[in-house]
Amino acid sequence: MKNGNKHATLFTDTQARQFVENDGWTVVDQRINSTTGFSGTLFKNTKTNELVLSFRSTEFIDDAIRDSMATNTLEVHDAGWAFGQIADMEDWYAELKSNGSIPSGARLDVTGYSLGGHLATAFNLLHNGALNGGQVVTFNGAGVGSLQPGNTLQGVLADFKTLGSPKGSGEPKGVGAQRGQRHLIL
């Protein structure tokens, strides 16, 4: 936390001590910059057992190609959804559930800023029942797109995963994702 992204987003020593020692927060798990640029952190409060899943915003300095160009311009702007990062978010969430980092029935709060707000909103649409009384809080979130009538985000995401990978279609990654736009209202 004290290193942050080695730019503007970091804790001072005083803030880090406050966050960990006084407030009782610890990092349970962290996914840092997947191949799509997805980054998330699962925090746990050791005093209250509260779990918070937090999604990072766009990294313009370190990750301009994946976050700003590929995700924000080609996916969110053009299609309304950050499908690559949402797919990575889903894979990570499944890992957290399967390894017990997020116990079954646990209250879960979800948060994100900007691109992270987009991901938090998508998470809520995909897993609203899994929050168990928790809430989703976004700050200046990027919003989400629309789907054609009869389609669900779960279904479109499954299609994206199948069509968007060499295993599913024999096409280069991304080609299937563009074909998958048939589900979207553009």
Foldseek 3Di string as FASTA:
>chain_A
DQCAVVPPDHDPPVRVCCVPPVQQKDWPDWDQQDVLRWIWTWIARPVPRAIEIFTEAADCPPPVCRHVPVQVPVDCVPFFASLVNLLVVVVVVVVCDVVVVPDQLHAYEYEYEACRLRSLVVCCQVPVVRNNPYYYYYHNYSGGFAWDPPDGPVRLSVQLVQQQPCVRPVDHHPPSNVVSSVGGDD
